[in-house]
C-alpha atoms as a PDB file:
ATOM      1  CA  UNK A   1       0.000   0.000   0.000  1.00  0.00           C
ATOM      2  CA  UNK A   2       2.855   2.389   0.744  1.00  0.00           C
ATOM      3  CA  UNK A   3       4.036   2.140  -2.861  1.00  0.00           C
ATOM      4  CA  UNK A   4       0.527   2.871  -4.130  1.00  0.00           C
ATOM      5  CA  UNK A   5       0.379   5.939  -1.890  1.00  0.00           C
ATOM      6  CA  UNK A   6       3.767   7.143  -3.096  1.00  0.00           C
ATOM      7  CA  UNK A   7       2.615   6.704  -6.685  1.00  0.00           C
ATOM      8  CA  UNK A   8      -0.491   8.780  -5.966  1.00  0.00           C
ATOM      9  CA  UNK A   9       1.649  11.531  -4.463  1.00  0.00           C
ATOM     10  CA  UNK A  10       4.013  11.520  -7.450  1.00  0.00           C
ATOM     11  CA  UNK A  11       1.038  11.824  -9.795  1.00  0.00           C
ATOM     12  CA  UNK A  12      -0.269  14.781  -7.786  1.00  0.00           C
ATOM     13  CA  UNK A  13       3.078  16.563  -8.149  1.00  0.00           C
ATOM     14  CA  UNK A  14       3.124  15.998 -11.895  1.00  0.00           C
ATOM     15  CA  UNK A  15      -0.519  16.856 -12.558  1.00  0.00           C
ATOM     16  CA  UNK A  16      -0.631  20.013 -10.433  1.00  0.00           C
ATOM     17  CA  UNK A  17       2.992  21.120 -10.980  1.00  0.00           C
ATOM     18  CA  UNK A  18       3.699  21.291  -7.249  1.00  0.00           C
ATOM     19  CA  UNK A  19       6.279  19.836  -4.870  1.00  0.00           C
ATOM     20  CA  UNK A  20       5.159  17.944  -1.774  1.00  0.00           C
ATOM     21  CA  UNK A  21       7.022  18.998   1.365  1.00  0.00           C
ATOM     22  CA  UNK A  22       5.738  16.163   3.515  1.00  0.00           C
ATOM     23  CA  UNK A  23       2.955  13.579   3.518  1.00  0.00           C
ATOM     24  CA  UNK A  24       1.797  11.601   6.554  1.00  0.00           C
ATOM     25  CA  UNK A  25      -0.982   9.397   7.856  1.00  0.00           C
ATOM     26  CA  UNK A  26      -3.693  10.954   9.989  1.00  0.00           C
ATOM     27  CA  UNK A  27      -6.859   9.501  11.510  1.00  0.00           C
ATOM     28  CA  UNK A  28      -7.241   6.165  13.265  1.00  0.00           C
ATOM     29  CA  UNK A  29      -4.034   4.611  11.905  1.00  0.00           C
ATOM     30  CA  UNK A  30      -1.933   7.512  13.192  1.00  0.00           C
ATOM     31  CA  UNK A  31      -3.916   7.680  16.446  1.00  0.00           C
ATOM     32  CA  UNK A  32      -3.140   4.053  17.258  1.00  0.00           C
ATOM     33  CA  UNK A  33      -6.561   2.420  16.999  1.00  0.00           C
ATOM     34  CA  UNK A  34      -7.067   1.254  13.393  1.00  0.00           C
ATOM     35  CA  UNK A  35      -9.472  -1.498  12.490  1.00  0.00           C
ATOM     36  CA  UNK A  36      -8.427  -4.176  10.027  1.00  0.00           C
ATOM     37  CA  UNK A  37     -10.431  -2.411   7.324  1.00  0.00           C
ATOM     38  CA  UNK A  38      -9.488   1.174   8.228  1.00  0.00           C
ATOM     39  CA  UNK A  39      -8.855   3.387   5.231  1.00  0.00           C
ATOM     40  CA  UNK A  40      -5.695   5.417   4.718  1.00  0.00           C
ATOM     41  CA  UNK A  41      -6.082   9.097   5.606  1.00  0.00           C
ATOM     42  CA  UNK A  42      -3.128  10.748   3.885  1.00  0.00           C
ATOM     43  CA  UNK A  43      -2.471  14.434   4.475  1.00  0.00           C
ATOM     44  CA  UNK A  44       0.234  16.513   2.838  1.00  0.00           C
ATOM     45  CA  UNK A  45       1.600  20.034   2.490  1.00  0.00           C
ATOM     46  CA  UNK A  46       2.831  21.206  -0.890  1.00  0.00           C
ATOM     47  CA  UNK A  47       4.349  24.283  -2.508  1.00  0.00           C
ATOM     48  CA  UNK A  48       3.331  25.775  -5.851  1.00  0.00           C
ATOM     49  CA  UNK A  49       5.697  27.447  -8.284  1.00  0.00           C
ATOM     50  CA  UNK A  50       6.554  31.053  -7.272  1.00  0.00           C
ATOM     51  CA  UNK A  51       4.515  32.586 -10.102  1.00  0.00           C
ATOM     52  CA  UNK A  52       1.392  30.813  -8.793  1.00  0.00           C
ATOM     53  CA  UNK A  53       1.415  33.178  -5.814  1.00  0.00           C
ATOM     54  CA  UNK A  54       1.840  36.303  -7.980  1.00  0.00           C
ATOM     55  CA  UNK A  55      -1.770  36.765  -9.000  1.00  0.00           C
ATOM     56  CA  UNK A  56      -4.477  39.334  -8.420  1.00  0.00           C
ATOM     57  CA  UNK A  57      -7.010  36.529  -7.929  1.00  0.00           C
ATOM     58  CA  UNK A  58      -7.373  34.092  -5.083  1.00  0.00           C
ATOM     59  CA  UNK A  59      -6.789  30.477  -6.071  1.00  0.00           C
ATOM     60  CA  UNK A  60      -7.816  27.153  -4.643  1.00  0.00           C
ATOM     61  CA  UNK A  61      -5.205  26.176  -2.053  1.00  0.00           C
ATOM     62  CA  UNK A  62      -6.265  22.570  -1.464  1.00  0.00           C
ATOM     63  CA  UNK A  63      -5.651  19.448  -3.539  1.00  0.00           C
ATOM     64  CA  UNK A  64      -8.068  16.570  -2.994  1.00  0.00           C
ATOM     65  CA  UNK A  65      -8.337  13.174  -4.625  1.00  0.00           C
ATOM     66  CA  UNK A  66     -11.723  11.429  -4.873  1.00  0.00           C
ATOM     67  CA  UNK A  67     -12.321   9.391  -1.724  1.00  0.00           C
ATOM     68  CA  UNK A  68     -12.789   5.636  -2.037  1.00  0.00           C
ATOM     69  CA  UNK A  69     -13.103   2.744   0.421  1.00  0.00           C
ATOM     70  CA  UNK A  70      -9.355   2.616   1.069  1.00  0.00           C
ATOM     71  CA  UNK A  71      -7.879   6.037   0.299  1.00  0.00           C
ATOM     72  CA  UNK A  72      -8.615   9.562   1.499  1.00  0.00           C
ATOM     73  CA  UNK A  73      -5.827  11.833   0.209  1.00  0.00           C
ATOM     74  CA  UNK A  74      -5.760  15.613   0.425  1.00  0.00           C
ATOM     75  CA  UNK A  75      -3.296  18.387   1.083  1.00  0.00           C
ATOM     76  CA  UNK A  76      -2.827  22.081   1.746  1.00  0.00           C
ATOM     77  CA  UNK A  77      -0.707  24.666  -0.018  1.00  0.00           C
ATOM     78  CA  UNK A  78       2.200  25.899   2.115  1.00  0.00           C
ATOM     79  CA  UNK A  79       0.663  29.345   2.579  1.00  0.00           C
ATOM     80  CA  UNK A  80      -2.611  27.890   3.817  1.00  0.00           C
ATOM     81  CA  UNK A  81      -0.687  25.525   6.099  1.00  0.00           C
ATOM     82  CA  UNK A  82       1.390  28.329   7.603  1.00  0.00           C
ATOM     83  CA  UNK A  83      -1.695  30.482   8.212  1.00  0.00           C
ATOM     84  CA  UNK A  84      -3.289  27.576  10.075  1.00  0.00           C
ATOM     85  CA  UNK A  85      -0.028  26.834  11.882  1.00  0.00           C
ATOM     86  CA  UNK A  86      -0.099  30.442  13.125  1.00  0.00           C
ATOM     87  CA  UNK A  87      -3.533  29.687  14.617  1.00  0.00           C
ATOM     88  CA  UNK A  88      -2.225  26.534  16.336  1.00  0.00           C
ATOM     89  CA  UNK A  89      -4.371  24.316  14.142  1.00  0.00           C
ATOM     90  CA  UNK A  90      -4.543  20.947  15.990  1.00  0.00           C
ATOM     91  CA  UNK A  91      -4.888  18.692  12.920  1.00  0.00           C
ATOM     92  CA  UNK A  92      -1.759  20.240  11.378  1.00  0.00           C
ATOM     93  CA  UNK A  93       0.129  19.896  14.672  1.00  0.00           C
ATOM     94  CA  UNK A  94      -0.867  16.220  14.672  1.00  0.00           C
ATOM     95  CA  UNK A  95       0.386  15.753  11.108  1.00  0.00           C
ATOM     96  CA  UNK A  96       3.793  16.998  12.219  1.00  0.00           C
ATOM     97  CA  UNK A  97       4.149  14.269  14.865  1.00  0.00           C
ATOM     98  CA  UNK A  98       2.569  11.391  12.945  1.00  0.00           C
ATOM     99  CA  UNK A  99       4.790   8.319  13.083  1.00  0.00           C
ATOM    100  CA  UNK A 100       3.592   7.156   9.657  1.00  0.00           C
ATOM    101  CA  UNK A 101       5.444   9.235   7.071  1.00  0.00           C
ATOM    102  CA  UNK A 102       4.992   8.685   3.330  1.00  0.00           C
ATOM    103  CA  UNK A 103       7.113  11.532   2.025  1.00  0.00           C
ATOM    104  CA  UNK A 104       9.380  14.143   3.575  1.00  0.00           C
ATOM    105  CA  UNK A 105      11.543  16.520   1.580  1.00  0.00           C
ATOM    106  CA  UNK A 106      13.531  19.728   1.920  1.00  0.00           C
ATOM    107  CA  UNK A 107      13.462  19.890   5.769  1.00  0.00           C
ATOM    108  CA  UNK A 108      10.202  21.844   6.024  1.00  0.00           C
ATOM    109  CA  UNK A 109       8.528  19.521   8.525  1.00  0.00           C
ATOM    110  CA  UNK A 110      11.587  19.535  10.787  1.00  0.00           C
ATOM    111  CA  UNK A 111      11.609  23.326  10.881  1.00  0.00           C
ATOM    112  CA  UNK A 112       7.941  23.437  11.854  1.00  0.00           C
ATOM    113  CA  UNK A 113       8.591  20.877  14.586  1.00  0.00           C
ATOM    114  CA  UNK A 114      11.363  23.069  15.986  1.00  0.00           C
ATOM    115  CA  UNK A 115       9.005  26.030  16.440  1.00  0.00           C
ATOM    116  CA  UNK A 116       5.825  24.080  17.132  1.00  0.00           C
ATOM    117  CA  UNK A 117       5.567  25.066  20.777  1.00  0.00           C
ATOM    118  CA  UNK A 118       6.119  28.744  19.903  1.00  0.00           C
ATOM    119  CA  UNK A 119       2.842  28.814  17.991  1.00  0.00           C
ATOM    120  CA  UNK A 120       0.980  26.345  20.198  1.00  0.00           C
ATOM    121  CA  UNK A 121      -2.085  27.900  21.826  1.00  0.00           C
ATOM    122  CA  UNK A 122      -3.312  25.758  24.735  1.00  0.00           C
ATOM    123  CA  UNK A 123      -6.654  27.539  24.834  1.00  0.00           C
ATOM    124  CA  UNK A 124      -7.387  27.259  21.091  1.00  0.00           C
ATOM    125  CA  UNK A 125      -6.376  23.605  21.078  1.00  0.00           C
ATOM    126  CA  UNK A 126      -8.516  22.750  24.086  1.00  0.00           C
ATOM    127  CA  UNK A 127     -11.518  24.411  22.467  1.00  0.00           C
ATOM    128  CA  UNK A 128     -10.919  22.354  19.313  1.00  0.00           C
ATOM    129  CA  UNK A 129     -10.679  19.048  21.164  1.00  0.00           C
ATOM    130  CA  UNK A 130     -13.583  19.884  23.473  1.00  0.00           C
ATOM    131  CA  UNK A 131     -15.816  20.668  20.503  1.00  0.00           C
ATOM    132  CA  UNK A 132     -14.837  17.379  18.854  1.00  0.00           C
ATOM    133  CA  UNK A 133     -15.574  15.408  22.016  1.00  0.00           C
ATOM    134  CA  UNK A 134     -18.900  17.125  22.623  1.00  0.00           C
ATOM    135  CA  UNK A 135     -20.062  16.651  19.040  1.00  0.00           C
ATOM    136  CA  UNK A 136     -19.254  12.942  18.892  1.00  0.00           C
ATOM    137  CA  UNK A 137     -20.605  12.311  22.379  1.00  0.00           C
ATOM    138  CA  UNK A 138     -23.859  14.061  21.604  1.00  0.00           C
ATOM    139  CA  UNK A 139     -24.315  12.297  18.255  1.00  0.00           C
ATOM    140  CA  UNK A 140     -23.204   8.750  19.032  1.00  0.00           C
ATOM    141  CA  UNK A 141     -23.020   7.994  22.755  1.00  0.00           C
ATOM    142  CA  UNK A 142     -26.354   9.010  24.245  1.00  0.00           C
ATOM    143  CA  UNK A 143     -29.029   6.453  25.071  1.00  0.00           C
ATOM    144  CA  UNK A 144     -28.929   2.886  26.295  1.00  0.00           C
ATOM    145  CA  UNK A 145     -27.386   1.545  23.088  1.00  0.00           C
ATOM    146  CA  UNK A 146     -24.564   3.472  21.462  1.00  0.00           C
ATOM    147  CA  UNK A 147     -22.243   3.264  18.455  1.00  0.00           C
ATOM    148  CA  UNK A 148     -19.482   1.778  20.531  1.00  0.00           C
ATOM    149  CA  UNK A 149     -16.463   2.437  18.313  1.00  0.00           C
ATOM    150  CA  UNK A 150     -17.172   6.147  18.690  1.00  0.00           C
ATOM    151  CA  UNK A 151     -15.887   5.968  22.256  1.00  0.00           C
ATOM    152  CA  UNK A 152     -12.398   6.385  20.795  1.00  0.00           C
ATOM    153  CA  UNK A 153     -13.425   9.555  18.979  1.00  0.00           C
ATOM    154  CA  UNK A 154     -14.590  11.078  22.256  1.00  0.00           C
ATOM    155  CA  UNK A 155     -11.980   9.674  24.624  1.00  0.00           C
ATOM    156  CA  UNK A 156      -9.026  10.787  22.528  1.00  0.00           C
ATOM    157  CA  UNK A 157      -9.979  14.503  22.354  1.00  0.00           C
ATOM    158  CA  UNK A 158     -10.946  14.505  26.032  1.00  0.00           C
ATOM    159  CA  UNK A 159      -7.568  13.032  26.948  1.00  0.00           C
ATOM    160  CA  UNK A 160      -5.893  15.589  24.664  1.00  0.00           C
ATOM    161  CA  UNK A 161      -7.560  18.319  26.751  1.00  0.00           C
ATOM    162  CA  UNK A 162      -6.331  16.675  29.946  1.00  0.00           C
ATOM    163  CA  UNK A 163      -2.791  16.520  28.525  1.00  0.00           C
ATOM    164  CA  UNK A 164      -2.833  20.229  27.642  1.00  0.00           C
ATOM    165  CA  UNK A 165      -4.119  21.120  31.091  1.00  0.00           C
ATOM    166  CA  UNK A 166      -1.406  18.990  32.736  1.00  0.00           C
ATOM    167  CA  UNK A 167       1.602  19.861  30.554  1.00  0.00           C
ATOM    168  CA  UNK A 168       0.644  23.029  28.636  1.00  0.00           C
ATOM    169  CA  UNK A 169       2.062  21.453  25.455  1.00  0.00           C
ATOM    170  CA  UNK A 170       0.538  19.921  22.346  1.00  0.00           C
ATOM    171  CA  UNK A 171      -0.612  16.353  23.051  1.00  0.00           C
ATOM    172  CA  UNK A 172       1.000  13.222  21.609  1.00  0.00           C
ATOM    173  CA  UNK A 173      -0.769  11.682  18.647  1.00  0.00           C
ATOM    174  CA  UNK A 174      -1.002   8.104  19.956  1.00  0.00           C
ATOM    175  CA  UNK A 175      -4.111   7.256  21.944  1.00  0.00           C
ATOM    176  CA  UNK A 176      -2.134   4.689  23.956  1.00  0.00           C
ATOM    177  CA  UNK A 177       0.311   7.362  25.156  1.00  0.00           C
ATOM    178  CA  UNK A 178      -2.557   9.525  26.373  1.00  0.00           C
ATOM    179  CA  UNK A 179      -4.212   6.612  28.149  1.00  0.00           C
ATOM    180  CA  UNK A 180      -0.994   5.496  29.863  1.00  0.00           C
ATOM    181  CA  UNK A 181      -0.277   8.974  31.207  1.00  0.00           C
ATOM    182  CA  UNK A 182      -3.733  10.235  32.084  1.00  0.00           C
ATOM    183  CA  UNK A 183      -5.939   7.329  33.184  1.00  0.00           C
ATOM    184  CA  UNK A 184      -5.069   5.770  36.532  1.00  0.00           C
ATOM    185  CA  UNK A 185      -8.432   4.333  37.548  1.00  0.00           C
ATOM    186  CA  UNK A 186      -8.108   0.559  37.144  1.00  0.00           C
ATOM    187  CA  UNK A 187     -11.750  -0.127  36.287  1.00  0.00           C
ATOM    188  CA  UNK A 188     -11.753   2.566  33.607  1.00  0.00           C
ATOM    189  CA  UNK A 189      -8.425   1.322  32.219  1.00  0.00           C
ATOM    190  CA  UNK A 190      -9.804  -2.199  31.984  1.00  0.00           C
ATOM    191  CA  UNK A 191     -12.826  -1.030  29.988  1.00  0.00           C
ATOM    192  CA  UNK A 192     -10.718   1.104  27.638  1.00  0.00           C
ATOM    193  CA  UNK A 193      -8.096  -1.610  27.030  1.00  0.00           C
ATOM    194  CA  UNK A 194     -10.795  -4.211  26.398  1.00  0.00           C
ATOM    195  CA  UNK A 195     -12.476  -1.980  23.831  1.00  0.00           C
ATOM    196  CA  UNK A 196      -9.149  -1.149  22.176  1.00  0.00           C
ATOM    197  CA  UNK A 197      -8.206  -4.832  21.894  1.00  0.00           C
ATOM    198  CA  UNK A 198     -11.527  -5.637  20.264  1.00  0.00           C
ATOM    199  CA  UNK A 199     -11.216  -2.811  17.733  1.00  0.00           C
ATOM    200  CA  UNK A 200      -7.648  -3.635  16.724  1.00  0.00           C
ATOM    201  CA  UNK A 201      -8.519  -7.320  16.421  1.00  0.00           C
ATOM    202  CA  UNK A 202     -10.962  -6.369  13.709  1.00  0.00           C
ATOM    203  CA  UNK A 203     -14.136  -7.070  15.653  1.00  0.00           C
ATOM    204  CA  UNK A 204     -17.156  -5.263  14.283  1.00  0.00           C
ATOM    205  CA  UNK A 205     -17.996  -2.559  16.821  1.00  0.00           C
ATOM    206  CA  UNK A 206     -21.446  -1.274  16.071  1.00  0.00           C
ATOM    207  CA  UNK A 207     -24.386  -0.627  18.379  1.00  0.00           C
ATOM    208  CA  UNK A 208     -24.097  -2.124  21.856  1.00  0.00           C
ATOM    209  CA  UNK A 209     -25.202  -1.347  25.372  1.00  0.00           C
ATOM    210  CA  UNK A 210     -23.391   1.727  26.551  1.00  0.00           C
ATOM    211  CA  UNK A 211     -20.407   1.346  28.888  1.00  0.00           C
ATOM    212  CA  UNK A 212     -21.468   3.276  31.968  1.00  0.00           C
ATOM    213  CA  UNK A 213     -17.963   3.584  33.425  1.00  0.00           C
ATOM    214  CA  UNK A 214     -16.674   5.265  30.263  1.00  0.00           C
ATOM    215  CA  UNK A 215     -19.770   7.431  29.859  1.00  0.00           C
ATOM    216  CA  UNK A 216     -19.448   8.691  33.445  1.00  0.00           C
ATOM    217  CA  UNK A 217     -15.795   9.566  32.863  1.00  0.00           C
ATOM    218  CA  UNK A 218     -16.556  11.411  29.624  1.00  0.00           C
ATOM    219  CA  UNK A 219     -19.405  13.439  31.106  1.00  0.00           C
ATOM    220  CA  UNK A 220     -17.335  14.447  34.126  1.00  0.00           C
ATOM    221  CA  UNK A 221     -14.329  15.433  32.023  1.00  0.00           C
ATOM    222  CA  UNK A 222     -16.381  17.469  29.548  1.00  0.00           C
ATOM    223  CA  UNK A 223     -17.825  19.464  32.435  1.00  0.00           C
ATOM    224  CA  UNK A 224     -14.366  19.891  33.924  1.00  0.00           C
ATOM    225  CA  UNK A 225     -12.860  21.199  30.667  1.00  0.00           C
ATOM    226  CA  UNK A 226     -15.756  23.626  30.175  1.00  0.00           C
ATOM    227  CA  UNK A 227     -15.187  25.021  33.682  1.00  0.00           C
ATOM    228  CA  UNK A 228     -11.419  25.119  33.228  1.00  0.00           C
ATOM    229  CA  UNK A 229     -11.660  27.132  30.020  1.00  0.00           C
ATOM    230  CA  UNK A 230     -13.852  29.816  31.576  1.00  0.00           C
ATOM    231  CA  UNK A 231     -10.897  31.420  33.341  1.00  0.00           C
ATOM    232  CA  UNK A 232      -8.027  30.035  31.282  1.00  0.00           C
ATOM    233  CA  UNK A 233      -5.821  32.579  29.554  1.00  0.00           C
ATOM    234  CA  UNK A 234      -2.865  32.033  27.229  1.00  0.00           C
ATOM    235  CA  UNK A 235      -0.827  34.591  25.353  1.00  0.00           C
ATOM    236  CA  UNK A 236       1.528  34.125  22.430  1.00  0.00           C
ATOM    237  CA  UNK A 237       3.803  36.409  20.491  1.00  0.00           C
ATOM    238  CA  UNK A 238       2.763  36.917  16.878  1.00  0.00           C
ATOM    239  CA  UNK A 239       4.824  34.428  14.830  1.00  0.00           C
ATOM    240  CA  UNK A 240       3.895  35.997  11.464  1.00  0.00           C
ATOM    241  CA  UNK A 241       7.367  37.442  10.651  1.00  0.00           C
ATOM    242  CA  UNK A 242       8.989  34.057  11.312  1.00  0.00           C
ATOM    243  CA  UNK A 243       6.408  32.237   9.184  1.00  0.00           C
ATOM    244  CA  UNK A 244       6.783  34.765   6.367  1.00  0.00           C
ATOM    245  CA  UNK A 245      10.498  33.980   6.345  1.00  0.00           C
ATOM    246  CA  UNK A 246       9.778  30.256   6.172  1.00  0.00           C
ATOM    247  CA  UNK A 247       7.376  30.752   3.277  1.00  0.00           C
ATOM    248  CA  UNK A 248       9.934  32.726   1.270  1.00  0.00           C
ATOM    249  CA  UNK A 249      12.718  30.332   2.196  1.00  0.00           C
ATOM    250  CA  UNK A 250      10.947  27.249   0.890  1.00  0.00           C
ATOM    251  CA  UNK A 251       9.875  28.913  -2.337  1.00  0.00           C
ATOM    252  CA  UNK A 252      13.590  29.377  -3.002  1.00  0.00           C
ATOM    253  CA  UNK A 253      14.730  26.001  -1.615  1.00  0.00           C
ATOM    254  CA  UNK A 254      12.212  24.008  -3.662  1.00  0.00           C
ATOM    255  CA  UNK A 255      12.327  25.883  -6.953  1.00  0.00           C
ATOM    256  CA  UNK A 256      15.911  27.165  -7.142  1.00  0.00           C
END
């Protein structure tokens, strides 16, 4: 599959006349809880030719391939990526630390990793993860019978919030790392590990009776994060001049 993905990325470069700076896996495979039939969620950042940016009109700054049962591939132009990086965009910060790398060129990803914590906004990130947890919890985990695999898509963002509160840094991408550091209650750990083992073994996790111990934990933590954010303040220096320099640098590095 990795060769197929690399071929897709090469075709994108040729068709769109761009250069890919890095491409990684995101989603359940990168988060550490894939199913046997999980698709590949490939995300990349690319740079257009310098003249592409010299236009009086705005242009589409995303490249997307049609989604199928196995592949979901899309990427952002470097300028879009750096604007979102400036806003401490959590998905982009996760791409930077993904352990599954399909392409990495020119040193761009390493430079972003070096300054990642300078642009990291604890408050913005917590709001992002809280919103994700609330939305999935509200949609999938209410009632006596719930869509049980969605527990992972609520637990992970809740644990990401707990990590930020504890360490004031961007959270690790692996669900297992978050669980090991942040859940100490043995009964809760047992339920989470059991569910994780079933999912990774390929068991079909559809509608089942809700797991009260996990639901209680989620509800309590959502309320805690909401209360925590009411008085939480974080300030950052504007990184725009630094990011402008990076943008200009990689236009030259890639196309010189």
